[in-house]
Amino acid sequence: MKERDLVEELMGLDNTVFGSQAWKDIENLEYTIGPEALLDQIVLKDEWSNAEMLWVLKRMVYYYGKKDKPLQAIPVDRLFLNMVDILRCLYLFLDHVNPDLDTNMRKYLSVKLGDATWGLNSRTRSYLYKLLEKQQ
């Protein structure tokens, strides 16, 4: 039995893409050719592996989180389309797999999704409408 399998069995940890051989391979490739070249290589493919999808999501979190100048120049409509595409993927994944998440993971995802609804709920929409009125 592999060491990771034993840990998963004893500790009740779920098997994830992170730490898998596919993930290690993609990380090694990233270190070899660089993250930009790897991203270009993945994007050119018609079909991506789970590890590639997660690597791209990880890269997106990094870039969207760092708020660099070139990214800030993205047209707002394009940024919204990016987010909608990500949400569609998440929606399809959660609907198809319907994972049994532990309490901590469920709470984390709930908080992050709740934060992401800023601008959608009635309180923040009211605030945004008031800003729009002041600008006009």
C-alpha atoms as a PDB file:
ATOM      1  CA  MET A   1       0.000   0.000   0.000  1.00  0.00           C
ATOM      2  CA  LYS A   2       1.318   3.433  -0.903  1.00  0.00           C
ATOM      3  CA  GLU A   3       2.216   5.779   1.944  1.00  0.00           C
ATOM      4  CA  ARG A   4      -0.419   8.350   0.871  1.00  0.00           C
ATOM      5  CA  ASP A   5      -3.126   5.664   0.689  1.00  0.00           C
ATOM      6  CA  LEU A   6      -2.262   4.580   4.229  1.00  0.00           C
ATOM      7  CA  VAL A   7      -2.445   8.166   5.484  1.00  0.00           C
ATOM      8  CA  GLU A   8      -5.779   8.657   3.733  1.00  0.00           C
ATOM      9  CA  GLU A   9      -7.140   5.479   5.300  1.00  0.00           C
ATOM     10  CA  LEU A  10      -5.854   6.199   8.804  1.00  0.00           C
ATOM     11  CA  MET A  11      -6.577   9.923   8.885  1.00  0.00           C
ATOM     12  CA  GLY A  12      -9.770   9.896   6.836  1.00  0.00           C
ATOM     13  CA  LEU A  13      -8.271  12.303   4.314  1.00  0.00           C
ATOM     14  CA  ASP A  14      -9.820  12.450   0.883  1.00  0.00           C
ATOM     15  CA  ASN A  15      -7.790  11.711  -2.198  1.00  0.00           C
ATOM     16  CA  THR A  16      -7.282  14.959  -4.108  1.00  0.00           C
ATOM     17  CA  VAL A  17      -5.558  16.054  -7.275  1.00  0.00           C
ATOM     18  CA  PHE A  18      -2.996  17.968  -5.212  1.00  0.00           C
ATOM     19  CA  GLY A  19      -0.240  15.598  -4.294  1.00  0.00           C
ATOM     20  CA  SER A  20      -1.151  13.112  -7.018  1.00  0.00           C
ATOM     21  CA  GLN A  21       1.408  12.034  -9.590  1.00  0.00           C
ATOM     22  CA  ALA A  22      -0.399  14.076 -12.250  1.00  0.00           C
ATOM     23  CA  TRP A  23      -0.087  17.159 -10.039  1.00  0.00           C
ATOM     24  CA  LYS A  24       3.594  16.506  -9.376  1.00  0.00           C
ATOM     25  CA  ASP A  25       4.175  16.107 -13.113  1.00  0.00           C
ATOM     26  CA  ILE A  26       2.490  19.405 -13.916  1.00  0.00           C
ATOM     27  CA  GLU A  27       4.446  21.184 -11.160  1.00  0.00           C
ATOM     28  CA  ASN A  28       7.713  19.749 -12.509  1.00  0.00           C
ATOM     29  CA  LEU A  29       6.768  20.917 -15.992  1.00  0.00           C
ATOM     30  CA  GLU A  30       5.985  24.366 -14.582  1.00  0.00           C
ATOM     31  CA  TYR A  31       9.427  24.562 -12.981  1.00  0.00           C
ATOM     32  CA  THR A  32      11.068  23.329 -16.192  1.00  0.00           C
ATOM     33  CA  ILE A  33       9.385  25.512 -18.825  1.00  0.00           C
ATOM     34  CA  GLY A  34       7.922  28.269 -16.637  1.00  0.00           C
ATOM     35  CA  PRO A  35       4.329  29.080 -15.716  1.00  0.00           C
ATOM     36  CA  GLU A  36       3.626  31.280 -18.761  1.00  0.00           C
ATOM     37  CA  ALA A  37       4.752  28.602 -21.227  1.00  0.00           C
ATOM     38  CA  LEU A  38       2.797  25.945 -19.336  1.00  0.00           C
ATOM     39  CA  LEU A  39      -0.351  28.072 -19.388  1.00  0.00           C
ATOM     40  CA  ASP A  40       0.057  28.620 -23.138  1.00  0.00           C
ATOM     41  CA  GLN A  41       0.572  24.876 -23.629  1.00  0.00           C
ATOM     42  CA  ILE A  42      -2.543  23.951 -21.632  1.00  0.00           C
ATOM     43  CA  VAL A  43      -4.785  26.569 -23.259  1.00  0.00           C
ATOM     44  CA  LEU A  44      -3.928  25.213 -26.724  1.00  0.00           C
ATOM     45  CA  LYS A  45      -5.279  21.760 -25.807  1.00  0.00           C
ATOM     46  CA  ASP A  46      -8.846  20.767 -26.652  1.00  0.00           C
ATOM     47  CA  GLU A  47      -9.306  18.737 -23.489  1.00  0.00           C
ATOM     48  CA  TRP A  48      -7.557  19.255 -20.170  1.00  0.00           C
ATOM     49  CA  SER A  49      -6.854  16.814 -17.364  1.00  0.00           C
ATOM     50  CA  ASN A  50      -8.182  17.515 -13.862  1.00  0.00           C
ATOM     51  CA  ALA A  51      -4.677  18.484 -12.780  1.00  0.00           C
ATOM     52  CA  GLU A  52      -4.399  20.934 -15.660  1.00  0.00           C
ATOM     53  CA  MET A  53      -7.788  22.466 -14.829  1.00  0.00           C
ATOM     54  CA  LEU A  54      -6.833  22.912 -11.198  1.00  0.00           C
ATOM     55  CA  TRP A  55      -3.431  24.302 -12.132  1.00  0.00           C
ATOM     56  CA  VAL A  56      -5.121  26.903 -14.362  1.00  0.00           C
ATOM     57  CA  LEU A  57      -7.571  27.788 -11.576  1.00  0.00           C
ATOM     58  CA  LYS A  58      -4.676  28.127  -9.144  1.00  0.00           C
ATOM     59  CA  ARG A  59      -2.924  30.415 -11.630  1.00  0.00           C
ATOM     60  CA  MET A  60      -6.091  32.486 -12.039  1.00  0.00           C
ATOM     61  CA  VAL A  61      -6.449  32.872  -8.278  1.00  0.00           C
ATOM     62  CA  TYR A  62      -2.839  34.073  -8.176  1.00  0.00           C
ATOM     63  CA  TYR A  63      -3.261  36.648 -10.943  1.00  0.00           C
ATOM     64  CA  TYR A  64      -6.727  37.886  -9.996  1.00  0.00           C
ATOM     65  CA  GLY A  65      -5.598  38.119  -6.375  1.00  0.00           C
ATOM     66  CA  LYS A  66      -2.450  40.078  -7.106  1.00  0.00           C
ATOM     67  CA  LYS A  67      -4.312  42.778  -9.086  1.00  0.00           C
ATOM     68  CA  ASP A  68      -1.405  43.621 -11.369  1.00  0.00           C
ATOM     69  CA  LYS A  69      -1.571  46.593 -13.748  1.00  0.00           C
ATOM     70  CA  PRO A  70      -2.081  44.663 -17.017  1.00  0.00           C
ATOM     71  CA  LEU A  71      -4.945  42.746 -15.428  1.00  0.00           C
ATOM     72  CA  GLN A  72      -6.556  45.986 -14.260  1.00  0.00           C
ATOM     73  CA  ALA A  73      -6.693  47.078 -17.903  1.00  0.00           C
ATOM     74  CA  ILE A  74      -9.034  44.190 -18.799  1.00  0.00           C
ATOM     75  CA  PRO A  75     -12.363  45.484 -20.104  1.00  0.00           C
ATOM     76  CA  VAL A  76     -15.012  44.962 -17.431  1.00  0.00           C
ATOM     77  CA  ASP A  77     -17.211  42.958 -19.807  1.00  0.00           C
ATOM     78  CA  ARG A  78     -14.352  40.513 -20.477  1.00  0.00           C
ATOM     79  CA  LEU A  79     -13.661  40.134 -16.757  1.00  0.00           C
ATOM     80  CA  PHE A  80     -17.323  39.331 -16.151  1.00  0.00           C
ATOM     81  CA  LEU A  81     -17.232  36.727 -18.928  1.00  0.00           C
ATOM     82  CA  ASN A  82     -14.160  35.151 -17.277  1.00  0.00           C
ATOM     83  CA  MET A  83     -15.968  34.947 -13.943  1.00  0.00           C
ATOM     84  CA  VAL A  84     -19.114  33.529 -15.545  1.00  0.00           C
ATOM     85  CA  ASP A  85     -17.048  30.800 -17.220  1.00  0.00           C
ATOM     86  CA  ILE A  86     -15.456  29.906 -13.886  1.00  0.00           C
ATOM     87  CA  LEU A  87     -18.845  29.834 -12.183  1.00  0.00           C
ATOM     88  CA  ARG A  88     -20.283  27.592 -14.897  1.00  0.00           C
ATOM     89  CA  CYS A  89     -17.439  25.122 -14.332  1.00  0.00           C
ATOM     90  CA  LEU A  90     -17.956  25.186 -10.574  1.00  0.00           C
ATOM     91  CA  TYR A  91     -21.709  24.780 -10.992  1.00  0.00           C
ATOM     92  CA  LEU A  92     -21.321  21.782 -13.307  1.00  0.00           C
ATOM     93  CA  PHE A  93     -18.729  20.207 -11.036  1.00  0.00           C
ATOM     94  CA  LEU A  94     -20.768  20.546  -7.849  1.00  0.00           C
ATOM     95  CA  ASP A  95     -23.944  19.384  -9.583  1.00  0.00           C
ATOM     96  CA  HIS A  96     -22.292  16.374 -11.223  1.00  0.00           C
ATOM     97  CA  VAL A  97     -20.108  15.189  -8.355  1.00  0.00           C
ATOM     98  CA  ASN A  98     -22.275  16.396  -5.451  1.00  0.00           C
ATOM     99  CA  PRO A  99     -19.313  15.948  -3.086  1.00  0.00           C
ATOM    100  CA  ASP A 100     -19.834  15.132   0.555  1.00  0.00           C
ATOM    101  CA  LEU A 101     -17.839  18.028   2.000  1.00  0.00           C
ATOM    102  CA  ASP A 102     -16.686  18.153   5.586  1.00  0.00           C
ATOM    103  CA  THR A 103     -17.971  20.999   7.765  1.00  0.00           C
ATOM    104  CA  ASN A 104     -14.827  23.128   7.542  1.00  0.00           C
ATOM    105  CA  MET A 105     -14.686  22.933   3.750  1.00  0.00           C
ATOM    106  CA  ARG A 106     -18.421  23.616   3.458  1.00  0.00           C
ATOM    107  CA  LYS A 107     -18.099  26.676   5.731  1.00  0.00           C
ATOM    108  CA  TYR A 108     -15.071  27.962   3.798  1.00  0.00           C
ATOM    109  CA  LEU A 109     -16.851  27.610   0.450  1.00  0.00           C
ATOM    110  CA  SER A 110     -19.994  29.186   1.897  1.00  0.00           C
ATOM    111  CA  VAL A 111     -18.067  32.217   3.165  1.00  0.00           C
ATOM    112  CA  LYS A 112     -16.185  32.665  -0.121  1.00  0.00           C
ATOM    113  CA  LEU A 113     -19.344  32.323  -2.205  1.00  0.00           C
ATOM    114  CA  GLY A 114     -21.117  34.695   0.175  1.00  0.00           C
ATOM    115  CA  ASP A 115     -18.323  37.247  -0.247  1.00  0.00           C
ATOM    116  CA  ALA A 116     -18.543  36.822  -4.013  1.00  0.00           C
ATOM    117  CA  THR A 117     -22.212  37.826  -3.974  1.00  0.00           C
ATOM    118  CA  TRP A 118     -21.216  41.400  -3.169  1.00  0.00           C
ATOM    119  CA  GLY A 119     -23.148  43.479  -5.651  1.00  0.00           C
ATOM    120  CA  LEU A 120     -25.848  40.857  -6.087  1.00  0.00           C
ATOM    121  CA  ASN A 121     -27.716  41.067  -2.805  1.00  0.00           C
ATOM    122  CA  SER A 122     -30.267  43.813  -2.150  1.00  0.00           C
ATOM    123  CA  ARG A 123     -28.080  45.796   0.289  1.00  0.00           C
ATOM    124  CA  THR A 124     -25.101  46.148  -2.012  1.00  0.00           C
ATOM    125  CA  ARG A 125     -27.268  46.669  -5.110  1.00  0.00           C
ATOM    126  CA  SER A 126     -28.982  49.552  -3.319  1.00  0.00           C
ATOM    127  CA  TYR A 127     -25.542  50.993  -2.528  1.00  0.00           C
ATOM    128  CA  LEU A 128     -24.437  50.612  -6.156  1.00  0.00           C
ATOM    129  CA  TYR A 129     -27.625  52.291  -7.446  1.00  0.00           C
ATOM    130  CA  LYS A 130     -26.972  55.239  -5.110  1.00  0.00           C
ATOM    131  CA  LEU A 131     -23.416  55.514  -6.470  1.00  0.00           C
ATOM    132  CA  LEU A 132     -24.761  55.500 -10.010  1.00  0.00           C
ATOM    133  CA  GLU A 133     -27.262  58.262  -9.182  1.00  0.00           C
ATOM    134  CA  LYS A 134     -24.496  60.424  -7.670  1.00  0.00           C
ATOM    135  CA  GLN A 135     -22.369  59.998 -10.796  1.00  0.00           C
ATOM    136  CA  GLN A 136     -25.185  61.232 -13.054  1.00  0.00           C
END
